[in-house]
Structures are given as structure tokens and as C-alpha cells.
Amino acid sequence: MFFGRKKRFTIDLGELEPDEKELISGFLRSSLKVDAVVNGGKASVDSEQFSSEELKRLVNRFVYRRNLNHKYWVALEDEIVKIRKFEKAKKQEKRRREEIPPSTIAHGW
């Protein structure tokens, strides 16, 4: 499809943790044998050897191998691969932060 000319692919890293962003960059470099640049919440890859669907499968493989599939899902929208967080995962994180203090009711038995 795009053989013979380089195409720039963009990955929207969304709410992925900062250390995971660096790990996905290394994963893409080693898997694709091309340079992957992470800049803020986005990563970009230049290549002429694969399509955006193949990149989505590779990013999805990273999410599963890092055991992040319970928090994140991967989508392909307008040639941009997006890593999104499940809504339920967001709610659970908020609940953990608002730790409920232990009960101080005196039991009289």
C-alpha cells in the first residue's frame, strides 16, 4: 500500500504511566527495528514496512504482555493508534485514593 515511501504513524498514549511510555518506545524499537520517538502523550514511528492495523496489533501485544489489559484498551481511529483507559479503572483508582478511615464505633459486649 505505502511501500517505497516512509509514512509517519502516530500513537496517542493517553493516560499511560510515564514509565510505560518509555517501555513502549523500547518495545516498538526492538519489534519494528525502526526509531520510535515519545514526545509527551504521543509517540511517532516512521516506516514503510507496515500499516496502521499492524501497528495497532503490535501496541495491543505490548498492552497484553505488560498485563495492562485490565486498565487499557487499544483502538485505531483515523490512522492514529490510541491507548485508552477503561472508565471502570478510573473509578476504582479514585476510590482507592479516598481511603475510608476505620470505624471507631465502640462495641459494648
N, C-alpha and C. Protein backbone atom coordinates (compact mmCIF):
# COMPACT_ATOMS: atom_id res chain seq x y z
N MET A 1 0.82 -1.18 0.00
CA MET A 1 0.00 0.00 0.00
C MET A 1 0.87 1.25 0.00
N PHE A 2 1.75 1.40 0.97
CA PHE A 2 2.63 2.56 1.03
C PHE A 2 4.09 2.15 0.86
N PHE A 3 4.33 1.05 0.16
CA PHE A 3 5.69 0.56 0.01
C PHE A 3 6.50 1.54 -0.83
N GLY A 4 7.75 1.74 -0.44
CA GLY A 4 8.63 2.61 -1.18
C GLY A 4 8.74 4.01 -0.61
N ARG A 5 7.80 4.43 0.22
CA ARG A 5 7.91 5.74 0.85
C ARG A 5 7.57 5.63 2.33
N LYS A 6 8.26 6.42 3.11
CA LYS A 6 8.04 6.35 4.56
C LYS A 6 6.76 7.07 4.93
N LYS A 7 6.11 6.51 5.90
CA LYS A 7 4.89 7.11 6.41
C LYS A 7 5.05 7.26 7.91
N ARG A 8 4.55 8.35 8.43
CA ARG A 8 4.63 8.61 9.87
C ARG A 8 3.34 8.13 10.53
N PHE A 9 3.50 7.26 11.50
CA PHE A 9 2.38 6.74 12.27
C PHE A 9 2.41 7.38 13.64
N THR A 10 1.24 7.71 14.15
CA THR A 10 1.13 8.35 15.46
C THR A 10 0.40 7.43 16.42
N ILE A 11 0.92 7.37 17.64
CA ILE A 11 0.29 6.60 18.71
C ILE A 11 -0.05 7.58 19.82
N ASP A 12 -1.33 7.67 20.15
CA ASP A 12 -1.78 8.51 21.25
C ASP A 12 -1.71 7.67 22.51
N LEU A 13 -0.79 8.00 23.41
CA LEU A 13 -0.54 7.19 24.59
C LEU A 13 -1.54 7.46 25.71
N GLY A 14 -2.38 8.45 25.56
CA GLY A 14 -3.45 8.71 26.51
C GLY A 14 -2.96 8.88 27.93
N GLU A 15 -3.53 8.12 28.84
CA GLU A 15 -3.21 8.24 30.26
C GLU A 15 -2.23 7.16 30.72
N LEU A 16 -1.44 6.66 29.80
CA LEU A 16 -0.45 5.64 30.13
C LEU A 16 0.58 6.23 31.09
N GLU A 17 1.03 5.44 32.04
CA GLU A 17 2.01 5.88 33.04
C GLU A 17 3.32 6.28 32.34
N PRO A 18 4.06 7.26 32.89
CA PRO A 18 5.30 7.72 32.25
C PRO A 18 6.34 6.62 32.03
N ASP A 19 6.50 5.70 32.99
CA ASP A 19 7.48 4.63 32.79
C ASP A 19 7.02 3.66 31.70
N GLU A 20 5.71 3.47 31.55
CA GLU A 20 5.19 2.60 30.49
C GLU A 20 5.40 3.25 29.12
N LYS A 21 5.37 4.58 29.06
CA LYS A 21 5.60 5.27 27.79
C LYS A 21 7.02 5.00 27.28
N GLU A 22 7.97 5.00 28.18
CA GLU A 22 9.34 4.70 27.77
C GLU A 22 9.49 3.24 27.37
N LEU A 23 8.79 2.35 28.08
CA LEU A 23 8.85 0.93 27.76
C LEU A 23 8.23 0.63 26.40
N ILE A 24 7.14 1.31 26.06
CA ILE A 24 6.52 1.06 24.76
C ILE A 24 7.43 1.56 23.64
N SER A 25 8.15 2.63 23.89
CA SER A 25 9.10 3.13 22.91
C SER A 25 10.18 2.09 22.63
N GLY A 26 10.74 1.50 23.68
CA GLY A 26 11.75 0.45 23.51
C GLY A 26 11.17 -0.79 22.85
N PHE A 27 9.94 -1.14 23.20
CA PHE A 27 9.27 -2.30 22.60
C PHE A 27 9.10 -2.10 21.10
N LEU A 28 8.67 -0.91 20.69
CA LEU A 28 8.48 -0.64 19.27
C LEU A 28 9.82 -0.62 18.53
N ARG A 29 10.84 -0.06 19.16
CA ARG A 29 12.17 -0.05 18.52
C ARG A 29 12.67 -1.47 18.28
N SER A 30 12.52 -2.33 19.28
CA SER A 30 13.05 -3.69 19.14
C SER A 30 12.18 -4.54 18.21
N SER A 31 10.88 -4.34 18.21
CA SER A 31 9.99 -5.14 17.38
C SER A 31 10.01 -4.72 15.92
N LEU A 32 10.04 -3.43 15.67
CA LEU A 32 9.95 -2.92 14.30
C LEU A 32 11.29 -2.62 13.68
N LYS A 33 12.32 -2.55 14.48
CA LYS A 33 13.67 -2.19 14.02
C LYS A 33 13.69 -0.80 13.38
N VAL A 34 12.85 0.10 13.91
CA VAL A 34 12.83 1.50 13.49
C VAL A 34 12.83 2.37 14.73
N ASP A 35 13.06 3.66 14.54
CA ASP A 35 13.11 4.58 15.67
C ASP A 35 11.70 5.01 16.06
N ALA A 36 11.39 4.92 17.34
CA ALA A 36 10.11 5.37 17.88
C ALA A 36 10.41 6.51 18.85
N VAL A 37 9.77 7.65 18.63
CA VAL A 37 10.02 8.84 19.43
C VAL A 37 8.80 9.15 20.28
N VAL A 38 9.02 9.27 21.60
CA VAL A 38 7.93 9.63 22.52
C VAL A 38 8.09 11.09 22.87
N ASN A 39 7.02 11.85 22.65
CA ASN A 39 7.03 13.27 22.95
C ASN A 39 5.74 13.60 23.69
N GLY A 40 5.82 13.70 25.00
CA GLY A 40 4.62 13.99 25.79
C GLY A 40 3.68 12.81 25.79
N GLY A 41 2.46 13.03 25.34
CA GLY A 41 1.45 11.98 25.32
C GLY A 41 1.32 11.28 23.99
N LYS A 42 2.28 11.50 23.09
CA LYS A 42 2.22 10.88 21.77
C LYS A 42 3.55 10.23 21.43
N ALA A 43 3.47 9.20 20.62
CA ALA A 43 4.67 8.55 20.08
C ALA A 43 4.53 8.53 18.57
N SER A 44 5.64 8.65 17.87
CA SER A 44 5.58 8.59 16.41
C SER A 44 6.62 7.61 15.91
N VAL A 45 6.26 6.93 14.82
CA VAL A 45 7.10 5.92 14.20
C VAL A 45 7.11 6.18 12.71
N ASP A 46 8.29 6.19 12.10
CA ASP A 46 8.41 6.32 10.65
C ASP A 46 8.79 4.98 10.08
N SER A 47 8.01 4.49 9.12
CA SER A 47 8.34 3.21 8.49
C SER A 47 7.60 3.08 7.17
N GLU A 48 8.13 2.24 6.32
CA GLU A 48 7.49 1.95 5.04
C GLU A 48 7.09 0.48 4.97
N GLN A 49 7.28 -0.27 6.06
CA GLN A 49 7.12 -1.71 6.01
C GLN A 49 5.80 -2.22 6.58
N PHE A 50 5.01 -1.40 7.25
CA PHE A 50 3.80 -1.91 7.88
C PHE A 50 2.68 -0.89 7.77
N SER A 51 1.48 -1.34 8.11
CA SER A 51 0.30 -0.48 8.05
C SER A 51 -0.11 -0.08 9.46
N SER A 52 -1.10 0.79 9.55
CA SER A 52 -1.58 1.23 10.86
C SER A 52 -2.27 0.08 11.60
N GLU A 53 -2.89 -0.86 10.87
CA GLU A 53 -3.52 -2.01 11.51
C GLU A 53 -2.47 -2.91 12.17
N GLU A 54 -1.33 -3.07 11.49
CA GLU A 54 -0.26 -3.88 12.08
C GLU A 54 0.33 -3.19 13.30
N LEU A 55 0.43 -1.88 13.25
CA LEU A 55 0.92 -1.13 14.41
C LEU A 55 -0.04 -1.27 15.58
N LYS A 56 -1.34 -1.24 15.31
CA LYS A 56 -2.34 -1.43 16.37
C LYS A 56 -2.18 -2.79 17.01
N ARG A 57 -1.99 -3.84 16.21
CA ARG A 57 -1.79 -5.18 16.77
C ARG A 57 -0.54 -5.24 17.63
N LEU A 58 0.51 -4.56 17.21
CA LEU A 58 1.75 -4.56 17.97
C LEU A 58 1.58 -3.82 19.30
N VAL A 59 0.89 -2.68 19.29
CA VAL A 59 0.64 -1.94 20.52
C VAL A 59 -0.25 -2.76 21.45
N ASN A 60 -1.23 -3.45 20.88
CA ASN A 60 -2.10 -4.31 21.67
C ASN A 60 -1.29 -5.44 22.31
N ARG A 61 -0.34 -5.98 21.59
CA ARG A 61 0.54 -7.02 22.13
C ARG A 61 1.33 -6.48 23.32
N PHE A 62 1.82 -5.24 23.21
CA PHE A 62 2.54 -4.62 24.32
C PHE A 62 1.65 -4.51 25.56
N VAL A 63 0.39 -4.07 25.35
CA VAL A 63 -0.54 -3.90 26.47
C VAL A 63 -0.77 -5.25 27.16
N TYR A 64 -0.94 -6.31 26.38
CA TYR A 64 -1.17 -7.63 26.98
C TYR A 64 0.08 -8.18 27.66
N ARG A 65 1.24 -8.01 27.05
CA ARG A 65 2.47 -8.54 27.65
C ARG A 65 2.82 -7.83 28.95
N ARG A 66 2.48 -6.56 29.06
CA ARG A 66 2.76 -5.82 30.30
C ARG A 66 1.63 -6.00 31.31
N ASN A 67 0.64 -6.83 30.96
CA ASN A 67 -0.50 -7.13 31.82
C ASN A 67 -1.28 -5.85 32.18
N LEU A 68 -1.46 -5.00 31.18
CA LEU A 68 -2.20 -3.76 31.36
C LEU A 68 -3.59 -3.83 30.75
N ASN A 69 -3.97 -5.01 30.26
CA ASN A 69 -5.23 -5.15 29.55
C ASN A 69 -6.45 -4.99 30.46
N HIS A 70 -6.28 -5.03 31.76
CA HIS A 70 -7.41 -4.78 32.66
C HIS A 70 -7.63 -3.29 32.88
N LYS A 71 -6.67 -2.45 32.47
CA LYS A 71 -6.78 -1.00 32.64
C LYS A 71 -6.92 -0.24 31.32
N TYR A 72 -6.33 -0.78 30.24
CA TYR A 72 -6.27 -0.06 28.98
C TYR A 72 -6.79 -0.90 27.82
N TRP A 73 -7.26 -0.23 26.76
CA TRP A 73 -7.64 -0.88 25.52
C TRP A 73 -7.08 -0.06 24.37
N VAL A 74 -6.90 -0.71 23.22
CA VAL A 74 -6.26 -0.09 22.07
C VAL A 74 -7.29 0.05 20.95
N ALA A 75 -7.32 1.23 20.34
CA ALA A 75 -8.25 1.49 19.24
C ALA A 75 -7.49 2.15 18.09
N LEU A 76 -8.05 2.01 16.89
CA LEU A 76 -7.50 2.65 15.70
C LEU A 76 -8.55 3.62 15.18
N GLU A 77 -8.25 4.91 15.24
CA GLU A 77 -9.17 5.94 14.79
C GLU A 77 -8.44 6.89 13.85
N ASP A 78 -8.88 6.96 12.61
CA ASP A 78 -8.30 7.86 11.60
C ASP A 78 -6.78 7.70 11.48
N GLU A 79 -6.32 6.49 11.32
CA GLU A 79 -4.89 6.18 11.16
C GLU A 79 -4.06 6.50 12.40
N ILE A 80 -4.70 6.76 13.54
CA ILE A 80 -3.99 7.02 14.79
C ILE A 80 -4.33 5.89 15.76
N VAL A 81 -3.30 5.25 16.29
CA VAL A 81 -3.49 4.19 17.28
C VAL A 81 -3.62 4.87 18.64
N LYS A 82 -4.70 4.56 19.36
CA LYS A 82 -4.95 5.22 20.64
C LYS A 82 -5.02 4.19 21.76
N ILE A 83 -4.35 4.52 22.86
CA ILE A 83 -4.42 3.70 24.07
C ILE A 83 -5.33 4.44 25.02
N ARG A 84 -6.44 3.81 25.35
CA ARG A 84 -7.45 4.43 26.21
C ARG A 84 -7.61 3.66 27.50
N LYS A 85 -8.00 4.36 28.54
CA LYS A 85 -8.21 3.75 29.84
C LYS A 85 -9.69 3.41 30.00
N PHE A 86 -9.96 2.26 30.56
CA PHE A 86 -11.34 1.87 30.84
C PHE A 86 -11.92 2.82 31.88
N GLU A 87 -13.19 3.16 31.75
CA GLU A 87 -13.85 4.04 32.71
C GLU A 87 -13.88 3.41 34.10
N LYS A 88 -14.09 2.11 34.17
CA LYS A 88 -14.14 1.43 35.46
C LYS A 88 -12.81 1.55 36.19
N ALA A 89 -11.70 1.47 35.46
CA ALA A 89 -10.38 1.59 36.08
C ALA A 89 -10.20 2.97 36.68
N LYS A 90 -10.73 4.01 36.03
CA LYS A 90 -10.62 5.36 36.56
C LYS A 90 -11.38 5.47 37.88
N LYS A 91 -12.58 4.90 37.93
CA LYS A 91 -13.39 4.98 39.14
C LYS A 91 -12.74 4.23 40.29
N GLN A 92 -12.15 3.07 40.02
CA GLN A 92 -11.51 2.29 41.07
C GLN A 92 -10.31 3.02 41.63
N GLU A 93 -9.56 3.72 40.78
CA GLU A 93 -8.41 4.47 41.28
C GLU A 93 -8.86 5.59 42.21
N LYS A 94 -9.94 6.28 41.85
CA LYS A 94 -10.44 7.35 42.71
C LYS A 94 -10.86 6.79 44.06
N ARG A 95 -11.51 5.65 44.05
CA ARG A 95 -11.99 5.05 45.28
C ARG A 95 -10.82 4.67 46.18
N ARG A 96 -9.74 4.18 45.61
CA ARG A 96 -8.58 3.81 46.41
C ARG A 96 -7.93 5.02 47.04
N ARG A 97 -7.92 6.13 46.33
CA ARG A 97 -7.29 7.34 46.86
C ARG A 97 -8.07 7.91 48.04
N GLU A 98 -9.38 7.78 48.02
CA GLU A 98 -10.22 8.31 49.09
C GLU A 98 -10.38 7.25 50.18
N GLU A 99 -9.30 6.80 50.72
CA GLU A 99 -9.36 5.71 51.68
C GLU A 99 -10.28 6.04 52.84
N ILE A 100 -11.12 5.11 53.17
CA ILE A 100 -12.09 5.27 54.22
C ILE A 100 -11.42 4.94 55.55
N PRO A 101 -11.53 5.84 56.52
CA PRO A 101 -10.88 5.56 57.81
C PRO A 101 -11.59 4.41 58.51
N PRO A 102 -10.90 3.69 59.35
CA PRO A 102 -11.51 2.56 60.04
C PRO A 102 -12.61 3.05 60.99
N SER A 103 -13.55 2.18 61.24
CA SER A 103 -14.67 2.51 62.09
C SER A 103 -14.18 2.68 63.55
N THR A 104 -14.74 3.68 64.21
CA THR A 104 -14.33 3.95 65.61
C THR A 104 -15.50 3.70 66.57
N ILE A 105 -16.45 2.93 66.14
CA ILE A 105 -17.61 2.63 66.98
C ILE A 105 -17.17 1.67 68.09
N ALA A 106 -17.51 2.05 69.33
CA ALA A 106 -17.17 1.20 70.48
C ALA A 106 -18.23 0.10 70.60
N HIS A 107 -17.78 -1.11 70.63
CA HIS A 107 -18.69 -2.23 70.79
C HIS A 107 -18.83 -2.55 72.28
N GLY A 108 -20.06 -2.63 72.76
CA GLY A 108 -20.26 -2.81 74.20
C GLY A 108 -20.71 -4.20 74.59
N TRP A 109 -20.02 -5.19 74.16
CA TRP A 109 -20.39 -6.53 74.64
C TRP A 109 -19.28 -7.20 75.34
